[in-house]
N, C-alpha and C. Protein backbone atom coordinates (compact mmCIF):
# COMPACT_ATOMS: atom_id res chain seq x y z
N MET A 1 63.86 4.19 -80.24
CA MET A 1 63.11 5.42 -80.91
C MET A 1 61.25 5.09 -80.45
N GLU A 2 61.23 4.03 -80.47
CA GLU A 2 59.97 3.42 -80.12
C GLU A 2 59.26 3.96 -78.16
N HIS A 3 60.50 3.95 -77.68
CA HIS A 3 60.22 4.33 -76.40
C HIS A 3 60.13 6.16 -76.48
N LYS A 4 60.64 6.58 -77.18
CA LYS A 4 60.19 8.17 -77.52
C LYS A 4 58.68 8.29 -77.73
N ASP A 5 58.93 7.72 -78.95
CA ASP A 5 57.49 7.92 -79.30
C ASP A 5 56.04 7.47 -78.33
N ASN A 6 56.50 6.16 -77.89
CA ASN A 6 55.11 6.13 -76.76
C ASN A 6 55.45 7.00 -75.82
N HIS A 7 56.05 7.82 -75.42
CA HIS A 7 56.17 9.21 -74.80
C HIS A 7 55.77 9.99 -75.19
N SER A 8 55.85 10.20 -76.18
CA SER A 8 55.44 11.25 -76.78
C SER A 8 53.62 11.73 -76.81
N SER A 9 53.36 10.13 -76.93
CA SER A 9 52.14 10.06 -77.16
C SER A 9 51.37 9.86 -75.80
N ALA A 10 51.96 9.35 -74.85
CA ALA A 10 51.32 9.29 -73.29
C ALA A 10 51.17 10.96 -73.10
N LEU A 11 52.07 11.64 -73.20
CA LEU A 11 52.27 13.62 -73.09
C LEU A 11 51.17 13.66 -73.63
N ALA A 12 50.66 13.56 -74.64
CA ALA A 12 49.65 13.37 -75.63
C ALA A 12 48.42 13.95 -74.64
N ALA A 13 48.39 12.82 -74.41
CA ALA A 13 46.78 12.19 -73.61
C ALA A 13 46.95 12.99 -72.51
N LEU A 14 47.86 12.96 -71.88
CA LEU A 14 47.82 13.67 -70.44
C LEU A 14 47.52 15.17 -70.39
N LYS A 15 48.20 15.60 -71.93
CA LYS A 15 47.93 16.90 -71.83
C LYS A 15 46.59 17.51 -71.90
N ALA A 16 45.84 16.46 -72.65
CA ALA A 16 44.64 16.83 -73.42
C ALA A 16 43.94 16.69 -71.69
N ASN A 17 43.78 15.20 -71.03
CA ASN A 17 43.35 15.29 -69.75
C ASN A 17 43.49 16.26 -68.48
N VAL A 18 44.70 17.28 -68.93
CA VAL A 18 45.53 18.23 -67.77
C VAL A 18 44.09 19.42 -68.08
N LEU A 19 44.02 19.51 -69.75
CA LEU A 19 43.55 20.89 -70.06
C LEU A 19 42.13 20.41 -70.05
N LYS A 20 41.34 19.54 -69.25
CA LYS A 20 40.21 19.28 -69.34
C LYS A 20 39.49 20.34 -67.40
N LEU A 21 40.45 20.66 -67.29
CA LEU A 21 40.54 21.46 -65.81
C LEU A 21 41.42 22.24 -65.75
N THR A 22 41.98 22.88 -66.82
CA THR A 22 42.19 24.19 -67.07
C THR A 22 43.43 24.69 -68.14
N GLU A 23 43.64 25.66 -68.74
CA GLU A 23 44.32 26.69 -69.13
C GLU A 23 45.29 27.08 -69.23
N MET A 24 46.15 26.46 -70.19
CA MET A 24 47.62 26.13 -69.47
C MET A 24 48.19 26.78 -71.06
N GLN A 25 48.99 27.52 -70.77
CA GLN A 25 50.15 28.66 -71.84
C GLN A 25 51.20 27.10 -72.13
N GLU A 26 51.28 27.36 -73.27
CA GLU A 26 52.35 26.01 -74.25
C GLU A 26 53.81 25.90 -73.58
N ALA A 27 54.33 27.10 -73.00
CA ALA A 27 55.30 27.52 -72.20
C ALA A 27 55.55 26.73 -70.88
N GLU A 28 54.37 27.10 -70.42
CA GLU A 28 53.56 26.35 -68.71
C GLU A 28 54.15 25.13 -68.94
N TRP A 29 52.97 24.55 -70.75
CA TRP A 29 52.50 22.87 -70.27
C TRP A 29 54.43 22.77 -70.97
N GLU A 30 55.02 22.87 -71.65
CA GLU A 30 56.22 22.53 -71.94
C GLU A 30 57.05 22.19 -70.03
N ASP A 31 57.58 23.10 -69.42
CA ASP A 31 58.04 22.75 -68.16
C ASP A 31 57.12 21.83 -67.62
N PHE A 32 55.74 22.17 -67.14
CA PHE A 32 55.53 21.01 -66.47
C PHE A 32 55.16 19.75 -66.56
N SER A 33 55.28 19.79 -68.24
CA SER A 33 55.47 18.12 -68.99
C SER A 33 56.77 17.22 -68.69
N SER A 34 57.95 18.19 -68.94
CA SER A 34 58.83 17.75 -68.33
C SER A 34 58.91 17.12 -67.79
N HIS A 35 58.35 16.83 -66.15
CA HIS A 35 58.78 16.67 -64.89
C HIS A 35 58.34 15.31 -64.76
N TRP A 36 57.50 14.64 -65.61
CA TRP A 36 56.51 13.77 -65.58
C TRP A 36 57.67 12.97 -66.12
N HIS A 37 57.34 11.37 -66.02
CA HIS A 37 59.34 10.32 -66.61
C HIS A 37 57.58 8.80 -66.82
N TYR A 38 58.44 8.32 -67.81
CA TYR A 38 57.72 6.86 -67.92
C TYR A 38 57.79 6.03 -66.97
N TYR A 39 57.15 5.05 -66.54
CA TYR A 39 57.23 4.03 -65.25
C TYR A 39 56.24 3.08 -65.88
N SER A 40 56.56 1.90 -65.58
CA SER A 40 55.78 0.29 -65.88
C SER A 40 55.68 -0.54 -64.81
N LEU A 41 54.41 -1.01 -64.77
CA LEU A 41 54.33 -2.27 -63.68
C LEU A 41 54.18 -3.38 -64.68
N ASP A 42 54.71 -4.53 -64.66
CA ASP A 42 54.03 -5.71 -64.83
C ASP A 42 52.81 -6.68 -63.61
N LYS A 43 52.12 -6.99 -64.57
CA LYS A 43 50.81 -7.81 -63.82
C LYS A 43 51.60 -8.47 -62.37
N GLY A 44 50.44 -8.02 -61.34
CA GLY A 44 50.36 -8.57 -60.46
C GLY A 44 52.12 -7.76 -58.92
N GLU A 45 52.43 -6.88 -60.03
CA GLU A 45 53.25 -6.00 -59.00
C GLU A 45 52.84 -4.61 -58.35
N TYR A 46 53.46 -4.27 -57.40
CA TYR A 46 52.70 -3.01 -56.66
C TYR A 46 53.09 -1.75 -56.89
N LEU A 47 52.22 -0.55 -56.60
CA LEU A 47 52.76 0.35 -57.29
C LEU A 47 53.28 0.96 -55.14
N ILE A 48 52.44 0.90 -54.84
CA ILE A 48 52.81 1.08 -53.35
C ILE A 48 52.42 0.08 -52.32
N ARG A 49 52.66 -0.49 -51.23
CA ARG A 49 52.03 -1.00 -50.33
C ARG A 49 52.23 -0.66 -48.84
N GLU A 50 51.63 -1.13 -48.13
CA GLU A 50 50.82 -0.76 -46.73
C GLU A 50 52.26 -0.24 -46.19
N GLY A 51 52.35 0.67 -45.16
CA GLY A 51 53.49 1.40 -44.47
C GLY A 51 54.70 1.85 -45.67
N GLU A 52 54.61 1.82 -47.24
CA GLU A 52 55.66 2.66 -47.60
C GLU A 52 54.27 3.89 -47.67
N THR A 53 55.88 5.40 -48.06
CA THR A 53 55.73 6.61 -48.35
C THR A 53 55.49 6.97 -49.87
N GLU A 54 53.91 7.57 -50.34
CA GLU A 54 53.99 7.70 -51.51
C GLU A 54 54.98 9.02 -52.52
N ARG A 55 55.72 8.83 -52.65
CA ARG A 55 56.41 9.36 -53.50
C ARG A 55 56.19 10.79 -54.91
N TYR A 56 55.04 9.57 -55.84
CA TYR A 56 54.76 10.05 -56.92
C TYR A 56 53.37 10.39 -56.90
N PHE A 57 52.92 10.98 -57.88
CA PHE A 57 51.50 11.06 -58.56
C PHE A 57 51.46 10.42 -59.84
N TYR A 58 50.69 9.82 -60.01
CA TYR A 58 50.67 8.70 -62.05
C TYR A 58 49.43 9.79 -62.31
N TYR A 59 49.84 8.92 -63.81
CA TYR A 59 48.75 9.24 -64.68
C TYR A 59 49.04 7.91 -65.80
N VAL A 60 47.79 7.38 -65.17
CA VAL A 60 47.72 5.76 -66.00
C VAL A 60 47.51 6.43 -67.80
N ILE A 61 48.21 5.71 -68.19
CA ILE A 61 48.82 5.37 -69.97
C ILE A 61 47.47 4.27 -70.50
N SER A 62 48.61 3.33 -70.12
CA SER A 62 46.94 1.68 -69.89
C SER A 62 47.41 0.86 -68.91
N GLY A 63 46.80 -0.53 -68.69
CA GLY A 63 46.62 -0.89 -67.84
C GLY A 63 45.40 -0.52 -66.40
N VAL A 64 45.08 -1.36 -65.33
CA VAL A 64 44.36 -1.43 -64.52
C VAL A 64 45.41 -1.61 -63.25
N LEU A 65 44.68 -1.14 -62.37
CA LEU A 65 45.16 -1.15 -60.92
C LEU A 65 44.18 -0.99 -60.24
N ARG A 66 44.75 -2.22 -58.75
CA ARG A 66 43.27 -2.10 -57.56
C ARG A 66 44.19 -1.24 -56.39
N GLY A 67 43.06 -0.78 -55.68
CA GLY A 67 43.45 -0.32 -54.51
C GLY A 67 42.51 -1.00 -53.08
N TYR A 68 43.53 -1.72 -52.45
CA TYR A 68 42.84 -2.13 -51.58
C TYR A 68 43.75 -2.50 -50.08
N PHE A 69 42.68 -2.27 -48.98
CA PHE A 69 43.26 -2.36 -47.79
C PHE A 69 43.09 -4.14 -47.36
N LEU A 70 43.92 -4.35 -45.71
CA LEU A 70 43.66 -5.66 -45.36
C LEU A 70 42.59 -5.61 -43.97
N ILE A 71 42.02 -6.34 -43.62
CA ILE A 71 41.42 -6.82 -42.35
C ILE A 71 41.58 -7.55 -42.08
N ASP A 72 41.91 -8.23 -40.64
CA ASP A 72 41.67 -9.57 -40.54
C ASP A 72 42.60 -10.14 -41.61
N GLY A 73 43.33 -9.52 -42.29
CA GLY A 73 44.23 -10.96 -43.42
C GLY A 73 42.63 -10.67 -44.77
N GLU A 74 41.97 -10.31 -44.61
CA GLU A 74 40.96 -9.59 -46.06
C GLU A 74 41.55 -9.26 -47.05
N GLU A 75 41.15 -9.20 -48.41
CA GLU A 75 41.55 -7.96 -49.07
C GLU A 75 40.21 -6.92 -49.38
N ILE A 76 40.06 -6.28 -48.83
CA ILE A 76 38.76 -5.10 -49.34
C ILE A 76 39.09 -4.07 -50.20
N CYS A 77 38.41 -4.33 -51.43
CA CYS A 77 38.80 -3.66 -52.31
C CYS A 77 38.05 -2.12 -52.63
N VAL A 78 39.21 -1.45 -52.55
CA VAL A 78 38.35 0.04 -52.15
C VAL A 78 37.99 1.09 -53.41
N GLY A 79 38.81 0.54 -54.45
CA GLY A 79 38.47 1.43 -56.56
C GLY A 79 39.82 1.01 -56.99
N PHE A 80 39.62 1.22 -58.37
CA PHE A 80 40.18 0.98 -59.47
C PHE A 80 40.31 2.11 -60.32
N THR A 81 41.63 2.04 -61.10
CA THR A 81 42.40 3.16 -61.48
C THR A 81 42.60 2.49 -63.19
N TYR A 82 42.31 3.50 -64.05
CA TYR A 82 42.73 2.58 -65.71
C TYR A 82 42.93 3.56 -66.49
N ASP A 83 42.73 3.02 -67.83
CA ASP A 83 43.58 4.25 -68.55
C ASP A 83 42.84 5.84 -68.59
N ASP A 84 43.92 6.35 -69.18
CA ASP A 84 43.16 8.20 -68.82
C ASP A 84 42.46 8.38 -67.50
N ASP A 85 43.51 8.15 -66.25
CA ASP A 85 43.24 8.61 -65.37
C ASP A 85 44.40 8.75 -64.18
N TYR A 86 44.51 9.36 -63.21
CA TYR A 86 45.49 9.29 -62.21
C TYR A 86 45.13 8.09 -61.09
N SER A 87 46.42 8.11 -60.67
CA SER A 87 47.06 7.37 -59.96
C SER A 87 47.55 6.92 -59.00
N GLY A 88 47.93 6.59 -57.57
CA GLY A 88 48.80 6.73 -56.34
C GLY A 88 47.85 6.76 -55.25
N SER A 89 48.55 6.75 -53.78
CA SER A 89 48.16 6.50 -52.70
C SER A 89 48.01 7.73 -52.71
N TYR A 90 46.75 8.07 -53.15
CA TYR A 90 47.27 10.04 -53.15
C TYR A 90 46.92 10.92 -51.08
N ASP A 91 46.19 9.89 -50.25
CA ASP A 91 46.65 10.34 -48.79
C ASP A 91 47.87 10.54 -48.58
N SER A 92 48.99 9.72 -49.11
CA SER A 92 50.11 9.15 -48.61
C SER A 92 50.90 10.21 -49.02
N PHE A 93 50.56 10.71 -50.36
CA PHE A 93 51.72 11.85 -51.36
C PHE A 93 51.16 13.08 -50.40
N LEU A 94 50.54 13.24 -50.86
CA LEU A 94 49.81 14.51 -49.92
C LEU A 94 50.53 14.60 -48.26
N SER A 95 50.33 14.08 -47.66
CA SER A 95 51.17 14.21 -45.96
C SER A 95 51.94 13.40 -46.07
N GLN A 96 52.87 12.86 -47.09
CA GLN A 96 53.97 12.52 -46.91
C GLN A 96 53.92 11.63 -46.02
N ARG A 97 53.26 10.76 -45.19
CA ARG A 97 53.51 9.83 -44.94
C ARG A 97 52.61 8.37 -44.93
N PRO A 98 53.35 7.55 -44.39
CA PRO A 98 52.97 6.11 -45.08
C PRO A 98 51.77 5.77 -45.50
N SER A 99 51.90 5.09 -46.59
CA SER A 99 50.21 4.42 -47.17
C SER A 99 49.82 3.50 -46.21
N GLU A 100 48.08 4.08 -45.93
CA GLU A 100 47.56 2.38 -45.33
C GLU A 100 46.59 1.90 -45.94
N TRP A 101 46.99 2.11 -47.04
CA TRP A 101 46.64 0.47 -48.44
C TRP A 101 47.24 0.34 -49.04
N TYR A 102 47.20 -1.08 -50.71
CA TYR A 102 48.16 -1.43 -50.91
C TYR A 102 47.63 -0.68 -52.45
N LEU A 103 48.24 -0.40 -53.70
CA LEU A 103 47.80 -0.10 -54.84
C LEU A 103 48.73 -1.26 -55.88
N GLN A 104 47.61 -2.65 -56.73
CA GLN A 104 48.56 -3.28 -57.15
C GLN A 104 48.04 -3.30 -58.53
N ALA A 105 48.96 -3.82 -59.56
CA ALA A 105 48.86 -3.68 -61.06
C ALA A 105 47.89 -5.19 -61.43
N ILE A 106 46.72 -5.18 -61.70
CA ILE A 106 46.45 -6.42 -62.28
C ILE A 106 45.86 -6.54 -63.40
N THR A 107 46.97 -5.75 -64.66
CA THR A 107 47.21 -6.23 -65.97
C THR A 107 48.62 -5.63 -65.62
N ASP A 108 49.84 -5.77 -67.22
CA ASP A 108 50.67 -4.92 -67.28
C ASP A 108 50.49 -3.59 -67.52
N THR A 109 50.69 -2.95 -67.32
CA THR A 109 50.57 -1.34 -66.29
C THR A 109 51.93 -0.48 -67.10
N ARG A 110 51.43 0.93 -67.74
CA ARG A 110 52.72 1.62 -68.30
C ARG A 110 51.64 3.02 -67.87
N LEU A 111 52.33 4.11 -67.48
CA LEU A 111 52.09 5.28 -66.42
C LEU A 111 52.84 6.37 -66.89
N LEU A 112 52.72 7.71 -66.26
CA LEU A 112 53.87 8.95 -66.31
C LEU A 112 53.81 9.04 -64.95
N ARG A 113 54.70 9.35 -64.31
CA ARG A 113 54.95 10.05 -63.18
C ARG A 113 55.54 11.26 -62.83
N ILE A 114 55.13 11.96 -61.66
CA ILE A 114 55.79 13.35 -61.03
C ILE A 114 56.35 13.61 -59.61
N SER A 115 57.25 13.54 -59.70
CA SER A 115 57.43 13.48 -57.49
C SER A 115 56.99 14.28 -57.03
N HIS A 116 56.96 13.93 -55.80
CA HIS A 116 55.78 15.09 -54.35
C HIS A 116 56.47 16.79 -54.80
N SER A 117 57.82 16.54 -54.66
CA SER A 117 58.15 17.71 -54.77
C SER A 117 58.11 18.90 -56.66
N ASP A 118 58.70 18.08 -57.28
CA ASP A 118 58.74 18.48 -58.06
C ASP A 118 57.30 19.17 -58.20
N LEU A 119 55.80 18.22 -58.33
CA LEU A 119 54.75 18.73 -58.01
C LEU A 119 54.28 20.04 -57.53
N MET A 120 55.02 20.08 -55.98
CA MET A 120 54.71 21.46 -55.35
C MET A 120 55.69 22.69 -55.90
N ASP A 121 56.65 21.89 -56.45
CA ASP A 121 56.95 23.32 -57.54
C ASP A 121 56.04 23.93 -58.48
N MET A 122 55.30 22.75 -59.17
CA MET A 122 55.31 23.49 -60.01
C MET A 122 53.22 23.99 -59.42
N PHE A 123 53.26 23.80 -58.81
CA PHE A 123 52.06 24.25 -57.79
C PHE A 123 52.47 26.04 -57.35
N ASP A 124 53.93 26.27 -56.70
CA ASP A 124 54.14 27.77 -56.61
C ASP A 124 54.88 28.40 -57.46
N GLN A 125 54.69 27.34 -58.89
CA GLN A 125 55.52 28.39 -60.18
C GLN A 125 54.07 28.82 -60.68
N TYR A 126 52.80 27.62 -60.96
CA TYR A 126 52.29 28.22 -62.51
C TYR A 126 50.59 28.61 -61.33
N LYS A 127 50.62 28.91 -62.14
CA LYS A 127 48.99 29.35 -61.87
C LYS A 127 47.67 27.79 -61.82
N SER A 128 47.96 28.45 -63.27
CA SER A 128 47.71 27.01 -64.34
C SER A 128 47.20 25.41 -63.48
N VAL A 129 48.69 25.62 -62.98
CA VAL A 129 49.06 23.89 -62.28
C VAL A 129 48.13 24.00 -61.53
N GLU A 130 48.51 24.77 -60.52
CA GLU A 130 47.70 25.30 -59.18
C GLU A 130 45.89 24.93 -58.85
N ARG A 131 45.73 25.78 -60.62
CA ARG A 131 44.08 25.66 -61.07
C ARG A 131 44.09 23.66 -61.30
N TRP A 132 44.54 23.23 -62.09
CA TRP A 132 44.57 21.44 -62.38
C TRP A 132 44.30 20.93 -60.45
N GLY A 133 45.35 21.22 -60.07
CA GLY A 133 45.37 20.38 -58.79
C GLY A 133 44.28 20.54 -58.08
N ARG A 134 44.07 22.08 -58.10
CA ARG A 134 42.78 22.33 -57.10
C ARG A 134 41.40 21.94 -57.62
N MET A 135 41.32 21.56 -59.08
CA MET A 135 40.03 21.52 -59.67
C MET A 135 40.03 19.36 -59.05
N PHE A 136 41.34 19.06 -59.27
CA PHE A 136 41.49 17.43 -59.19
C PHE A 136 40.61 17.43 -57.93
N ASN A 137 41.29 17.95 -57.07
CA ASN A 137 41.04 17.66 -55.65
C ASN A 137 39.54 17.91 -55.51
N ALA A 138 39.10 18.62 -56.14
CA ALA A 138 37.55 18.30 -55.79
C ALA A 138 36.83 17.63 -56.31
N LYS A 139 37.52 16.60 -57.56
CA LYS A 139 36.97 15.52 -58.61
C LYS A 139 36.71 14.22 -56.99
N ILE A 140 37.62 14.64 -56.64
CA ILE A 140 38.35 13.17 -55.94
C ILE A 140 37.22 13.88 -54.58
N LEU A 141 37.05 14.66 -53.86
CA LEU A 141 36.05 14.57 -52.62
C LEU A 141 35.06 14.31 -53.13
N ILE A 142 34.24 15.12 -54.05
CA ILE A 142 33.51 13.85 -54.60
C ILE A 142 33.03 12.92 -54.83
N GLY A 143 33.95 12.59 -55.17
CA GLY A 143 33.91 11.86 -55.87
C GLY A 143 33.93 10.26 -54.51
N MET A 144 34.54 10.84 -53.24
CA MET A 144 34.74 10.25 -51.99
C MET A 144 33.41 9.93 -51.03
N SER A 145 32.63 11.27 -51.37
CA SER A 145 31.41 11.85 -50.68
C SER A 145 30.52 10.39 -51.48
N ARG A 146 30.25 10.87 -52.41
CA ARG A 146 29.09 9.62 -53.40
C ARG A 146 29.65 7.77 -52.65
N ARG A 147 31.01 7.70 -52.84
CA ARG A 147 31.30 6.73 -53.09
C ARG A 147 30.65 6.09 -51.21
N GLN A 148 31.20 7.20 -49.64
CA GLN A 148 30.57 7.26 -48.91
C GLN A 148 29.37 6.21 -48.89
N LEU A 149 28.33 7.52 -49.47
CA LEU A 149 26.91 7.29 -49.47
C LEU A 149 26.58 5.87 -49.73
N GLU A 150 27.18 5.66 -51.10
CA GLU A 150 27.20 4.28 -51.95
C GLU A 150 27.36 3.21 -50.70
N VAL A 151 28.52 3.24 -50.12
CA VAL A 151 28.75 2.17 -49.15
C VAL A 151 27.66 2.15 -47.50
N ARG A 152 27.08 3.50 -47.24
CA ARG A 152 26.53 3.39 -46.42
C ARG A 152 24.97 2.97 -46.62
N SER A 153 24.43 3.51 -47.64
CA SER A 153 23.27 3.80 -48.74
C SER A 153 22.69 2.73 -49.03
N TYR A 154 23.46 1.95 -49.85
CA TYR A 154 22.43 1.13 -51.01
C TYR A 154 22.94 -0.35 -50.75
N THR A 155 21.65 -0.96 -50.98
CA THR A 155 21.91 -2.59 -50.99
C THR A 155 22.66 -3.03 -52.40
N ALA A 156 23.23 -4.28 -51.94
CA ALA A 156 24.09 -4.50 -53.08
C ALA A 156 23.58 -4.93 -54.09
N GLU A 157 22.37 -4.96 -54.26
CA GLU A 157 21.88 -4.88 -56.06
C GLU A 157 21.86 -3.91 -56.46
N GLU A 158 21.23 -2.29 -55.67
CA GLU A 158 21.36 -1.23 -55.50
C GLU A 158 23.48 -0.64 -56.43
N LYS A 159 24.29 -0.89 -55.68
CA LYS A 159 25.30 -0.73 -55.65
C LYS A 159 25.50 -1.25 -57.57
N PHE A 160 25.57 -2.53 -57.68
CA PHE A 160 25.65 -2.92 -59.09
C PHE A 160 25.11 -2.21 -59.89
N GLU A 161 23.82 -1.90 -60.16
CA GLU A 161 22.95 -1.15 -60.96
C GLU A 161 24.13 0.07 -61.02
N ARG A 162 24.30 0.74 -60.23
CA ARG A 162 24.64 1.65 -59.91
C ARG A 162 26.70 1.87 -61.23
N LEU A 163 26.89 0.98 -60.52
CA LEU A 163 28.29 0.51 -61.12
C LEU A 163 28.10 0.15 -62.76
N MET A 164 27.25 -0.49 -62.94
CA MET A 164 26.61 -1.23 -64.79
C MET A 164 26.56 0.14 -65.41
N SER A 165 25.36 1.17 -64.67
CA SER A 165 25.61 2.42 -65.47
C SER A 165 26.36 3.32 -65.81
N GLN A 166 27.42 3.43 -64.55
CA GLN A 166 28.48 4.48 -64.52
C GLN A 166 29.78 4.24 -65.11
N SER A 167 29.83 2.70 -64.89
CA SER A 167 31.34 2.44 -65.53
C SER A 167 31.27 0.96 -66.08
N PRO A 168 30.23 0.68 -67.16
CA PRO A 168 29.79 -0.97 -67.48
C PRO A 168 31.47 -1.26 -68.34
N HIS A 169 31.93 -1.16 -69.02
CA HIS A 169 33.40 -1.02 -69.21
C HIS A 169 34.40 -1.86 -68.47
N ILE A 170 33.75 -1.43 -66.86
CA ILE A 170 35.02 -2.22 -65.84
C ILE A 170 34.52 -3.60 -65.56
N PHE A 171 33.52 -4.19 -65.94
CA PHE A 171 33.45 -5.84 -65.61
C PHE A 171 34.39 -6.61 -66.90
N GLN A 172 34.98 -5.64 -67.56
CA GLN A 172 35.91 -6.20 -68.75
C GLN A 172 37.41 -5.80 -68.67
N LEU A 173 37.37 -5.34 -67.73
CA LEU A 173 38.79 -4.68 -67.25
C LEU A 173 38.96 -5.99 -66.12
N VAL A 174 37.82 -5.92 -64.85
CA VAL A 174 38.37 -6.36 -63.51
C VAL A 174 37.99 -7.63 -63.56
N PRO A 175 38.46 -8.88 -62.72
CA PRO A 175 38.27 -10.19 -62.51
C PRO A 175 36.99 -9.89 -61.85
N GLN A 176 36.32 -10.65 -62.02
CA GLN A 176 35.06 -10.75 -60.98
C GLN A 176 35.27 -10.98 -59.09
N LYS A 177 36.21 -11.29 -59.00
CA LYS A 177 36.46 -11.52 -57.42
C LYS A 177 36.83 -10.01 -56.78
N TYR A 178 37.49 -9.45 -57.50
CA TYR A 178 37.58 -7.89 -56.94
C TYR A 178 36.60 -7.03 -56.78
N LEU A 179 35.72 -7.29 -57.80
CA LEU A 179 34.18 -5.99 -58.18
C LEU A 179 33.30 -6.76 -57.29
N ALA A 180 33.52 -8.07 -57.23
CA ALA A 180 32.24 -8.17 -55.50
C ALA A 180 32.97 -7.48 -54.50
N SER A 181 34.24 -7.51 -54.17
CA SER A 181 35.31 -6.96 -52.72
C SER A 181 34.78 -5.64 -52.83
N TYR A 182 34.53 -5.16 -54.02
CA TYR A 182 34.26 -3.62 -54.05
C TYR A 182 32.71 -3.06 -53.46
N LEU A 183 32.13 -4.25 -53.91
CA LEU A 183 30.49 -3.53 -54.48
C LEU A 183 30.13 -4.39 -52.37
N GLY A 184 30.90 -5.21 -52.16
CA GLY A 184 30.57 -5.10 -50.76
C GLY A 184 29.65 -6.71 -51.22
N MET A 185 29.77 -7.59 -52.02
CA MET A 185 28.64 -8.98 -51.80
C MET A 185 30.13 -9.97 -52.36
N THR A 186 29.56 -10.77 -52.12
CA THR A 186 29.91 -12.60 -52.82
C THR A 186 30.39 -12.59 -54.33
N PRO A 187 31.28 -12.98 -54.70
CA PRO A 187 31.56 -13.46 -56.16
C PRO A 187 30.28 -14.61 -56.70
N GLU A 188 29.73 -14.88 -56.11
CA GLU A 188 28.97 -16.02 -56.62
C GLU A 188 27.25 -15.19 -56.35
N THR A 189 26.81 -14.30 -55.34
CA THR A 189 25.86 -12.68 -55.58
C THR A 189 26.43 -12.29 -56.38
N LEU A 190 27.21 -11.92 -57.16
CA LEU A 190 27.64 -10.50 -58.03
C LEU A 190 27.27 -11.55 -59.48
N SER A 191 27.81 -12.76 -59.32
CA SER A 191 27.56 -13.38 -60.71
C SER A 191 25.93 -13.80 -60.71
N ARG A 192 25.09 -13.75 -60.01
CA ARG A 192 23.32 -13.82 -60.52
C ARG A 192 23.20 -12.76 -60.56
N LEU A 193 23.78 -11.46 -59.79
CA LEU A 193 23.11 -10.22 -59.87
C LEU A 193 23.62 -9.88 -61.93
N ARG A 194 24.59 -10.71 -62.10
CA ARG A 194 24.59 -10.45 -63.75
C ARG A 194 23.81 -10.96 -64.42
N LYS A 195 23.56 -12.01 -64.09
CA LYS A 195 22.81 -13.37 -65.12
C LYS A 195 21.97 -12.29 -65.18
N LYS A 196 20.98 -12.41 -63.83
CA LYS A 196 19.47 -11.91 -63.90
C LYS A 196 19.57 -11.14 -64.59
N ARG A 197 20.61 -9.92 -65.41
CA ARG A 197 20.85 -8.12 -65.59
C ARG A 197 20.63 -8.69 -67.58
N LYS A 198 20.79 -10.08 -67.50
CA LYS A 198 20.88 -10.46 -69.40
C LYS A 198 19.71 -10.56 -70.00
């Protein structure tokens, strides 16, 4: 019974998130939501590894995931997903080609997921779902553009300040070594910047 209650509350959270981007008739939501299934990861487990093809699109109920790729054996963090956010190797999901990066749970993580074939069917069937997908894609593209600008144009200190002002809670969720990699600095530099700001 508890799993069913958890699933119901997770779907309610997903519904609230979806309705921020599109209007949906109740019958459409009932059909759409029936294709989302519960999935969980223990801390340290991988949602996907480099070379695997992403078959699912995920909604994070609770937990934190980090995306990274390897360069000469070094892990380079490219982002994090957490509560009430979407996750997955999105480029691999859309292209149905092998992922070039990893997604790993850095805490125990609970998710809902929908398969590629089910989501494509929903896009074809409902204008409301297609609109949600279009609006989500626009958000992803805008986020990627901003991230590229940050990486190319800002100093380590400016990147840190932007992260502190936009997502201060991330410093409680993510270990410092991963945040330092994401910001392109050493953990020591990040520690110094945090002390300076206090």
